[in-house]
Amino acid sequence: MLTSKPGLLEEVRSRFAHVDSCPFTGERIFFENAGGALTLNSVVETSARFAAIPDNQGRDNPASKALQAIIDRAKDDMRVFFNAPGGAFFVGESGTELLFRLISAACLGTGPGRVLGSTLEHPASRSAAARWAEVAGKAHVLVAHDDATGSVDAARYAPEITPDTRVATIIHTSPVTGMGVDVAAIAAAIRAVAPDCVIVVDGIQHAAHGRLDLSAYGVDGYVVSPYKMFSRHGYGVAWVSERLAALPHDHLMDAPGEPWELGTRDTGAYATFSDVVAYLEWLGAHFTTQTDRRARIVAAGEAIHAHEARLTEAMIHGTGNLPGLKDLPGVGVLNGVDNPRREGLVSLTVDGMAAPDVVAALRERGVRTHTRKADHYSGNILVPLGLSSCVRVSLCHYNDETEVARFLTAMREIVEGA
């Protein structure tokens, strides 16, 4: 946990922009990380530097060659971060756009059969699978997630896995419930029945919370949105296995190697991902004596997970003499107060108050959260629970227990005044 190292959490916070204040409204606590994490100062500086460079890759000049070297270095950094010795990395417009591209290639490039997913998924993967399954003439089957736990597991997938399951989608962590999914177990269950199935994972919500290891998952595609993992908006990152990479996909005619990237990409995007990896290596070095880059990233991930687990525990069960959410009258915590799948996020309701009103009341007290409504983004989670909305409180490893205490104080005031 970060607080086990004196002064480390303060140093971590100093590396992020706007950690305790909004450039528009002033001082605030940022508990809206699931909507987009804070940005590393190094990413801000790198973005500005590369925005001024007029050159692009693929030209016969020193600047162009330097830019290509930066991209190559970033792809090596991605291999270390994701622990993916094989396959290919590339960037696109966004995580959603990349999920659509991977899923479309998988649906169109495989034979007759079924496309399998779950009701837990974000509409990025569900919409892509629904559209391209229909275009490809495949049945799109959705496994029902567990409303009680806010997750889905291999046992839920198993009855729907058939030998003709050609494509499968898995969400690694729900951005509504905050609950993680055992991707490796689900992938193994699919492979046992449909070994050639192309499996694509939405890792967008999970990536910031540590414990990411593609070599252990047995999947074919994995997508993240770097703005949710300390980088910036404007690009997504995808990994594809050799099998998925070889399927027909959109690319420029006669382009060498049939690349997945479309057009000239922003070198600065790649460079900012390297900034994220460098930061995680720096953080991990405080928790391991090993100098191996991957070992440091793993150590950082474990420290992040432990720190966030402590914060969500304090939020739910209380800290100091402050009662936690579970003990505040009229407050409900979605998916259980002691759910081991939780990754830095608590969704809640308050009896007699609409979620937007709770979010507004928290904002007035200097705490930024977010409303999730039963719309096209979150209806798949909220409607089965009989909810029209909920309050999403999302943490990250740069948050601290003092901020949790201020949040709980604000929640007590709100509940007492409801």
Protein backbone atom coordinates (compact mmCIF):
# COMPACT_ATOMS: atom_id res chain seq x y z
CA MET A 1 0.00 0.00 0.00
CA LEU A 2 1.31 3.46 -0.86
CA THR A 3 0.97 4.81 2.67
CA SER A 4 3.40 2.14 3.91
CA LYS A 5 6.20 4.24 2.40
CA PRO A 6 6.59 7.59 4.20
CA GLY A 7 6.16 10.52 1.84
CA LEU A 8 5.43 8.38 -1.21
CA LEU A 9 1.75 9.27 -1.58
CA GLU A 10 2.61 12.98 -1.47
CA GLU A 11 5.23 12.44 -4.15
CA VAL A 12 2.73 10.46 -6.25
CA ARG A 13 0.17 13.26 -5.99
CA SER A 14 2.76 15.83 -7.04
CA ARG A 15 3.21 14.03 -10.35
CA PHE A 16 -0.41 14.61 -11.45
CA ALA A 17 -2.08 17.72 -12.82
CA HIS A 18 -5.08 19.18 -10.94
CA VAL A 19 -4.83 16.59 -8.19
CA ASP A 20 -6.75 18.69 -5.67
CA SER A 21 -8.26 21.55 -7.66
CA CYS A 22 -10.30 22.07 -10.81
CA PRO A 23 -9.08 24.75 -13.26
CA PHE A 24 -12.68 25.96 -13.56
CA THR A 25 -14.08 25.73 -10.03
CA GLY A 26 -11.12 25.62 -7.65
CA GLU A 27 -10.44 23.20 -4.80
CA ARG A 28 -12.17 19.83 -5.05
CA ILE A 29 -11.72 16.13 -4.37
CA PHE A 30 -11.61 14.12 -7.57
CA PHE A 31 -13.69 10.96 -7.22
CA GLU A 32 -14.63 10.75 -10.91
CA ASN A 33 -11.66 8.71 -12.07
CA ALA A 34 -13.77 6.16 -13.94
CA GLY A 35 -14.79 8.97 -16.27
CA GLY A 36 -11.16 9.83 -16.94
CA ALA A 37 -8.18 9.61 -14.60
CA LEU A 38 -5.97 12.53 -13.65
CA THR A 39 -3.20 13.25 -16.14
CA LEU A 40 0.48 12.89 -15.39
CA ASN A 41 2.39 16.17 -15.55
CA SER A 42 4.91 14.42 -17.78
CA VAL A 43 2.09 13.60 -20.23
CA VAL A 44 1.04 17.26 -20.32
CA GLU A 45 4.61 18.32 -21.07
CA THR A 46 5.14 15.60 -23.69
CA SER A 47 1.86 16.45 -25.44
CA ALA A 48 2.81 20.11 -25.73
CA ARG A 49 6.28 19.27 -27.02
CA PHE A 50 5.09 16.91 -29.73
CA ALA A 51 2.19 19.14 -30.77
CA ALA A 52 4.78 21.63 -32.04
CA ILE A 53 6.71 19.17 -34.21
CA PRO A 54 5.72 19.44 -37.92
CA ASP A 55 7.41 16.23 -39.09
CA ASN A 56 5.86 12.77 -39.46
CA GLN A 57 7.07 9.20 -39.72
CA GLY A 58 8.15 7.63 -43.00
CA ARG A 59 10.23 10.52 -44.37
CA ASP A 60 13.92 10.59 -45.21
CA ASN A 61 15.06 13.10 -42.63
CA PRO A 62 16.47 12.96 -39.09
CA ALA A 63 13.29 14.26 -37.44
CA SER A 64 11.14 11.62 -39.10
CA LYS A 65 13.54 8.87 -38.08
CA ALA A 66 13.60 10.16 -34.51
CA LEU A 67 9.80 10.09 -34.40
CA GLN A 68 9.74 6.51 -35.67
CA ALA A 69 12.23 5.53 -32.98
CA ILE A 70 9.92 7.04 -30.35
CA ILE A 71 7.00 4.99 -31.70
CA ASP A 72 9.10 1.82 -31.72
CA ARG A 73 10.19 2.49 -28.14
CA ALA A 74 6.56 3.04 -27.08
CA LYS A 75 5.51 -0.26 -28.61
CA ASP A 76 8.28 -1.96 -26.63
CA ASP A 77 6.98 -0.21 -23.51
CA MET A 78 3.49 -1.49 -24.29
CA ARG A 79 4.83 -5.05 -24.48
CA VAL A 80 6.32 -4.66 -21.01
CA PHE A 81 3.24 -3.04 -19.51
CA PHE A 82 0.77 -5.58 -20.97
CA ASN A 83 3.23 -8.50 -20.70
CA ALA A 84 2.61 -9.44 -24.32
CA PRO A 85 5.70 -10.93 -25.99
CA GLY A 86 3.81 -11.68 -29.23
CA GLY A 87 1.13 -10.03 -31.31
CA ALA A 88 0.97 -6.40 -32.40
CA PHE A 89 0.17 -3.05 -30.79
CA PHE A 90 -1.34 -0.03 -32.52
CA VAL A 91 -3.25 3.13 -31.68
CA GLY A 92 -6.57 4.41 -32.98
CA GLU A 93 -9.07 7.17 -32.41
CA SER A 94 -10.39 5.81 -29.09
CA GLY A 95 -10.94 2.62 -27.14
CA THR A 96 -14.48 2.38 -28.47
CA GLU A 97 -13.35 2.78 -32.07
CA LEU A 98 -10.72 0.09 -31.62
CA LEU A 99 -13.20 -2.35 -30.08
CA PHE A 100 -15.43 -1.85 -33.12
CA ARG A 101 -12.51 -2.54 -35.46
CA LEU A 102 -11.31 -5.67 -33.66
CA ILE A 103 -14.79 -7.10 -33.27
CA SER A 104 -15.75 -6.37 -36.87
CA ALA A 105 -12.64 -8.15 -38.15
CA ALA A 106 -13.35 -11.12 -35.87
CA CYS A 107 -17.00 -11.39 -36.93
CA LEU A 108 -16.36 -11.00 -40.64
CA GLY A 109 -13.20 -13.08 -40.76
CA THR A 110 -14.52 -16.26 -39.12
CA GLY A 111 -16.91 -18.93 -40.30
CA PRO A 112 -20.62 -19.45 -39.54
CA GLY A 113 -21.51 -19.66 -35.87
CA ARG A 114 -22.17 -17.53 -32.83
CA VAL A 115 -20.86 -14.37 -31.21
CA LEU A 116 -20.90 -14.64 -27.41
CA GLY A 117 -20.79 -11.82 -24.86
CA SER A 118 -22.42 -10.78 -21.59
CA THR A 119 -24.94 -8.25 -20.31
CA LEU A 120 -22.21 -6.80 -18.07
CA GLU A 121 -20.42 -5.22 -21.00
CA HIS A 122 -20.16 -1.55 -21.85
CA PRO A 123 -22.05 -0.63 -25.06
CA ALA A 124 -18.69 -0.24 -26.83
CA SER A 125 -18.30 -4.01 -27.11
CA ARG A 126 -21.99 -4.95 -26.99
CA SER A 127 -22.89 -2.54 -29.81
CA ALA A 128 -19.97 -3.64 -31.94
CA ALA A 129 -20.78 -7.32 -31.45
CA ALA A 130 -24.48 -6.79 -32.16
CA ARG A 131 -23.82 -4.86 -35.36
CA TRP A 132 -21.12 -7.04 -36.84
CA ALA A 133 -22.73 -10.32 -35.82
CA GLU A 134 -25.81 -9.25 -37.79
CA VAL A 135 -23.72 -8.20 -40.78
CA ALA A 136 -21.85 -11.51 -40.69
CA GLY A 137 -25.04 -13.55 -40.31
CA LYS A 138 -24.06 -14.82 -36.87
CA ALA A 139 -26.27 -15.13 -33.79
CA HIS A 140 -25.36 -12.71 -31.02
CA VAL A 141 -25.84 -14.35 -27.62
CA LEU A 142 -25.56 -12.47 -24.32
CA VAL A 143 -24.86 -14.26 -21.04
CA ALA A 144 -26.72 -12.71 -18.10
CA HIS A 145 -24.39 -11.25 -15.48
CA ASP A 146 -24.98 -11.69 -11.75
CA ASP A 147 -26.98 -8.73 -10.43
CA ALA A 148 -25.95 -9.50 -6.85
CA THR A 149 -22.19 -9.38 -7.46
CA GLY A 150 -22.16 -6.94 -10.38
CA SER A 151 -19.89 -9.30 -12.31
CA VAL A 152 -19.90 -12.36 -14.55
CA ASP A 153 -17.86 -15.56 -14.38
CA ALA A 154 -16.98 -18.69 -16.33
CA ALA A 155 -19.90 -20.60 -14.82
CA ARG A 156 -22.29 -18.06 -16.33
CA TYR A 157 -20.63 -18.28 -19.75
CA ALA A 158 -20.35 -22.08 -19.74
CA PRO A 159 -23.94 -23.05 -20.70
CA GLU A 160 -23.79 -20.82 -23.77
CA ILE A 161 -20.38 -21.90 -25.05
CA THR A 162 -20.78 -24.11 -28.12
CA PRO A 163 -18.26 -25.56 -30.57
CA ASP A 164 -19.41 -23.01 -33.16
CA THR A 165 -18.68 -20.01 -30.90
CA ARG A 166 -16.51 -18.04 -33.32
CA VAL A 167 -16.14 -14.74 -31.46
CA ALA A 168 -16.41 -13.90 -27.77
CA THR A 169 -16.24 -10.61 -25.91
CA ILE A 170 -15.35 -10.11 -22.25
CA ILE A 171 -15.27 -6.94 -20.15
CA HIS A 172 -12.42 -6.91 -17.65
CA THR A 173 -14.05 -4.48 -15.19
CA SER A 174 -17.47 -2.84 -15.26
CA PRO A 175 -17.40 0.99 -15.24
CA VAL A 176 -20.79 0.99 -13.49
CA THR A 177 -20.34 -1.60 -10.74
CA GLY A 178 -16.54 -1.39 -10.55
CA MET A 179 -16.35 -5.18 -10.29
CA GLY A 180 -13.59 -7.12 -11.99
CA VAL A 181 -13.94 -10.27 -14.05
CA ASP A 182 -11.68 -13.34 -14.17
CA VAL A 183 -10.78 -13.04 -17.85
CA ALA A 184 -8.39 -16.00 -17.83
CA ALA A 185 -11.01 -18.37 -16.38
CA ILE A 186 -13.67 -17.33 -18.91
CA ALA A 187 -11.21 -17.57 -21.80
CA ALA A 188 -10.13 -21.04 -20.66
CA ALA A 189 -13.77 -22.18 -20.50
CA ILE A 190 -14.31 -20.92 -24.05
CA ARG A 191 -11.11 -22.52 -25.37
CA ALA A 192 -12.10 -25.89 -23.85
CA VAL A 193 -15.15 -26.02 -26.13
CA ALA A 194 -14.26 -23.68 -29.00
CA PRO A 195 -10.46 -23.59 -29.19
CA ASP A 196 -10.34 -21.36 -32.28
CA CYS A 197 -12.74 -18.73 -30.96
CA VAL A 198 -11.45 -15.16 -31.33
CA ILE A 199 -11.69 -13.55 -27.89
CA VAL A 200 -11.67 -9.75 -27.55
CA VAL A 201 -11.44 -8.02 -24.15
CA ASP A 202 -12.53 -4.52 -23.15
CA GLY A 203 -9.85 -3.52 -20.64
CA ILE A 204 -10.73 0.18 -20.58
CA GLN A 205 -11.96 0.37 -16.98
CA HIS A 206 -9.46 -2.14 -15.60
CA ALA A 207 -6.15 -0.80 -16.88
CA ALA A 208 -5.61 1.94 -14.28
CA HIS A 209 -6.06 -0.42 -11.35
CA GLY A 210 -3.10 -2.78 -11.81
CA ARG A 211 -2.78 -6.51 -12.38
CA LEU A 212 -2.74 -6.68 -16.18
CA ASP A 213 -1.05 -9.71 -17.77
CA LEU A 214 -1.94 -10.61 -21.34
CA SER A 215 0.33 -13.64 -21.40
CA ALA A 216 -1.89 -15.24 -18.75
CA TYR A 217 -5.27 -14.59 -20.37
CA GLY A 218 -5.27 -16.63 -23.58
CA VAL A 219 -7.18 -13.99 -25.56
CA ASP A 220 -6.79 -12.45 -29.02
CA GLY A 221 -7.51 -8.77 -28.52
CA TYR A 222 -7.28 -6.27 -25.69
CA VAL A 223 -8.19 -2.57 -25.78
CA VAL A 224 -7.55 0.32 -23.38
CA SER A 225 -8.30 4.05 -23.36
CA PRO A 226 -5.18 5.86 -22.10
CA TYR A 227 -7.14 8.86 -20.79
CA LYS A 228 -8.45 6.49 -18.14
CA MET A 229 -4.92 5.44 -17.19
CA PHE A 230 -3.08 8.72 -16.57
CA SER A 231 -2.46 9.72 -20.19
CA ARG A 232 -4.74 11.90 -22.33
CA HIS A 233 -7.73 11.92 -24.65
CA GLY A 234 -7.42 11.51 -28.40
CA TYR A 235 -6.24 7.93 -28.80
CA GLY A 236 -6.82 4.33 -27.80
CA VAL A 237 -4.38 1.39 -27.66
CA ALA A 238 -5.11 -2.10 -28.97
CA TRP A 239 -3.23 -5.36 -28.90
CA VAL A 240 -4.03 -8.18 -31.33
CA SER A 241 -2.72 -11.73 -31.33
CA GLU A 242 -1.08 -13.18 -34.42
CA ARG A 243 -4.34 -15.01 -35.18
CA LEU A 244 -6.50 -11.89 -35.03
CA ALA A 245 -3.88 -9.78 -36.80
CA ALA A 246 -3.96 -12.20 -39.74
CA LEU A 247 -7.71 -11.85 -40.30
CA PRO A 248 -8.88 -9.51 -43.09
CA HIS A 249 -9.24 -5.98 -41.76
CA ASP A 250 -9.40 -2.38 -42.95
CA HIS A 251 -6.03 -1.12 -44.16
CA LEU A 252 -4.50 0.85 -47.00
CA MET A 253 -4.18 -1.11 -50.24
CA ASP A 254 -0.72 -2.58 -50.82
CA ALA A 255 0.59 -1.24 -47.51
CA PRO A 256 3.53 -3.37 -46.32
CA GLY A 257 2.50 -5.90 -43.69
CA GLU A 258 -1.21 -5.04 -43.89
CA PRO A 259 -1.01 -2.71 -40.86
CA TRP A 260 -3.95 -2.01 -38.59
CA GLU A 261 -3.19 1.68 -38.25
CA LEU A 262 -5.10 3.93 -40.62
CA GLY A 263 -3.22 7.04 -41.68
CA THR A 264 -0.38 8.86 -39.96
CA ARG A 265 -0.67 8.52 -36.23
CA ASP A 266 0.27 11.09 -33.58
CA THR A 267 3.77 10.29 -32.33
CA GLY A 268 2.92 12.25 -29.20
CA ALA A 269 0.22 9.72 -28.33
CA TYR A 270 2.77 6.93 -28.35
CA ALA A 271 5.22 9.07 -26.37
CA THR A 272 2.66 9.79 -23.66
CA PHE A 273 2.02 6.08 -23.22
CA SER A 274 5.75 5.69 -22.58
CA ASP A 275 5.36 8.36 -19.90
CA VAL A 276 2.74 6.22 -18.18
CA VAL A 277 4.95 3.14 -18.28
CA ALA A 278 7.91 5.11 -16.94
CA TYR A 279 5.77 6.39 -14.08
CA LEU A 280 4.63 2.88 -13.15
CA GLU A 281 8.21 1.65 -13.24
CA TRP A 282 9.19 4.49 -10.91
CA LEU A 283 6.31 3.65 -8.56
CA GLY A 284 7.05 -0.07 -8.59
CA ALA A 285 10.70 0.52 -7.69
CA HIS A 286 9.48 1.56 -4.23
CA PHE A 287 7.99 -1.91 -3.67
CA THR A 288 10.60 -4.27 -5.11
CA THR A 289 14.38 -4.48 -5.20
CA GLN A 290 14.28 -6.01 -8.66
CA THR A 291 15.50 -3.90 -11.56
CA ASP A 292 13.56 -5.81 -14.21
CA ARG A 293 11.01 -3.46 -15.80
CA ARG A 294 8.13 -5.92 -15.78
CA ALA A 295 8.78 -6.83 -12.13
CA ARG A 296 8.52 -3.16 -11.20
CA ILE A 297 5.26 -2.73 -13.12
CA VAL A 298 3.83 -5.80 -11.40
CA ALA A 299 4.90 -4.39 -8.02
CA ALA A 300 3.26 -1.07 -8.87
CA GLY A 301 0.06 -2.86 -9.82
CA GLU A 302 -0.06 -4.77 -6.55
CA ALA A 303 0.57 -1.59 -4.55
CA ILE A 304 -2.14 0.26 -6.49
CA HIS A 305 -4.63 -2.54 -5.93
CA ALA A 306 -3.89 -2.70 -2.20
CA HIS A 307 -4.12 1.08 -1.77
CA GLU A 308 -7.42 1.35 -3.61
CA ALA A 309 -8.84 -1.61 -1.68
CA ARG A 310 -8.00 0.17 1.55
CA LEU A 311 -9.72 3.36 0.35
CA THR A 312 -12.91 1.61 -0.75
CA GLU A 313 -12.95 -0.33 2.53
CA ALA A 314 -12.71 2.96 4.44
CA MET A 315 -15.44 4.46 2.27
CA ILE A 316 -17.82 1.58 2.92
CA HIS A 317 -16.93 0.64 6.50
CA GLY A 318 -15.77 3.98 7.87
CA THR A 319 -12.53 5.67 8.89
CA GLY A 320 -11.58 7.16 12.24
CA ASN A 321 -14.82 8.03 14.05
CA LEU A 322 -16.73 8.51 10.80
CA PRO A 323 -19.31 5.88 9.87
CA GLY A 324 -18.99 4.32 6.45
CA LEU A 325 -21.59 4.26 3.72
CA LYS A 326 -23.03 0.98 4.96
CA ASP A 327 -23.92 2.62 8.30
CA LEU A 328 -25.43 5.83 6.93
CA PRO A 329 -29.24 5.66 7.06
CA GLY A 330 -30.88 5.31 3.67
CA VAL A 331 -27.63 4.69 1.79
CA GLY A 332 -27.39 1.56 -0.35
CA VAL A 333 -24.16 0.19 -1.80
CA LEU A 334 -24.59 -1.65 -5.08
CA ASN A 335 -23.36 -5.25 -5.34
CA GLY A 336 -22.54 -5.79 -1.69
CA VAL A 337 -20.36 -4.10 0.91
CA ASP A 338 -17.72 -6.84 1.02
CA ASN A 339 -17.24 -7.75 -2.62
CA PRO A 340 -13.68 -8.93 -3.40
CA ARG A 341 -14.15 -8.10 -7.09
CA ARG A 342 -14.30 -4.35 -6.39
CA GLU A 343 -11.70 -2.21 -8.18
CA GLY A 344 -11.57 1.35 -6.86
CA LEU A 345 -15.25 2.16 -7.35
CA VAL A 346 -18.38 2.34 -5.22
CA SER A 347 -21.84 2.93 -6.69
CA LEU A 348 -24.54 3.98 -4.26
CA THR A 349 -28.09 5.20 -3.81
CA VAL A 350 -29.75 7.42 -1.19
CA ASP A 351 -33.36 6.81 -0.22
CA GLY A 352 -35.58 9.73 -1.11
CA MET A 353 -32.97 11.47 -3.27
CA ALA A 354 -32.36 11.21 -6.98
CA ALA A 355 -28.76 10.42 -7.86
CA PRO A 356 -28.22 13.72 -9.74
CA ASP A 357 -29.29 15.59 -6.59
CA VAL A 358 -26.77 13.66 -4.49
CA VAL A 359 -24.03 14.37 -7.04
CA ALA A 360 -24.96 18.09 -6.98
CA ALA A 361 -24.93 18.15 -3.17
CA LEU A 362 -21.49 16.51 -3.13
CA ARG A 363 -20.25 18.99 -5.71
CA GLU A 364 -21.40 21.87 -3.52
CA ARG A 365 -19.26 20.36 -0.76
CA GLY A 366 -16.19 20.08 -2.98
CA VAL A 367 -16.45 16.41 -3.98
CA ARG A 368 -16.71 15.50 -7.67
CA THR A 369 -18.61 12.30 -8.48
CA HIS A 370 -20.90 11.24 -11.31
CA THR A 371 -24.45 10.06 -12.01
CA ARG A 372 -24.94 6.82 -13.92
CA LYS A 373 -28.41 6.67 -15.46
CA ALA A 374 -30.43 3.74 -16.79
CA ASP A 375 -29.63 4.82 -20.35
CA HIS A 376 -27.74 3.23 -23.23
CA TYR A 377 -24.55 3.33 -21.14
CA SER A 378 -25.74 1.84 -17.87
CA GLY A 379 -29.29 0.54 -18.30
CA ASN A 380 -27.99 -3.01 -18.66
CA ILE A 381 -26.76 -2.81 -15.05
CA LEU A 382 -29.34 -0.55 -13.39
CA VAL A 383 -32.65 -1.68 -14.92
CA PRO A 384 -32.41 -5.26 -13.51
CA LEU A 385 -31.82 -3.68 -10.09
CA GLY A 386 -34.94 -1.56 -10.43
CA LEU A 387 -32.90 1.65 -10.43
CA SER A 388 -33.21 4.68 -12.68
CA SER A 389 -29.80 6.01 -11.60
CA CYS A 390 -27.00 5.72 -9.06
CA VAL A 391 -24.06 7.76 -7.80
CA ARG A 392 -20.67 6.54 -8.98
CA VAL A 393 -17.73 7.31 -6.69
CA SER A 394 -14.50 6.24 -8.34
CA LEU A 395 -11.07 6.30 -6.75
CA CYS A 396 -7.51 5.95 -7.93
CA HIS A 397 -4.19 5.37 -6.22
CA TYR A 398 -3.41 9.09 -5.88
CA ASN A 399 -6.49 9.59 -3.72
CA ASP A 400 -6.02 9.41 0.05
CA GLU A 401 -7.94 8.56 3.19
CA THR A 402 -8.30 12.23 4.15
CA GLU A 403 -10.32 12.71 0.97
CA VAL A 404 -12.43 9.68 1.85
CA ALA A 405 -13.09 11.19 5.27
CA ARG A 406 -14.20 14.47 3.71
CA PHE A 407 -16.50 12.53 1.37
CA LEU A 408 -18.05 10.63 4.28
CA THR A 409 -18.55 13.87 6.19
CA ALA A 410 -20.32 15.33 3.17
CA MET A 411 -22.46 12.22 2.76
CA ARG A 412 -23.53 12.34 6.41
CA GLU A 413 -24.58 15.97 6.01
CA ILE A 414 -26.54 15.11 2.87
CA VAL A 415 -28.28 12.11 4.41
CA GLU A 416 -29.17 14.00 7.59
CA GLY A 417 -30.68 16.78 5.50
CA ALA A 418 -32.59 14.50 3.14
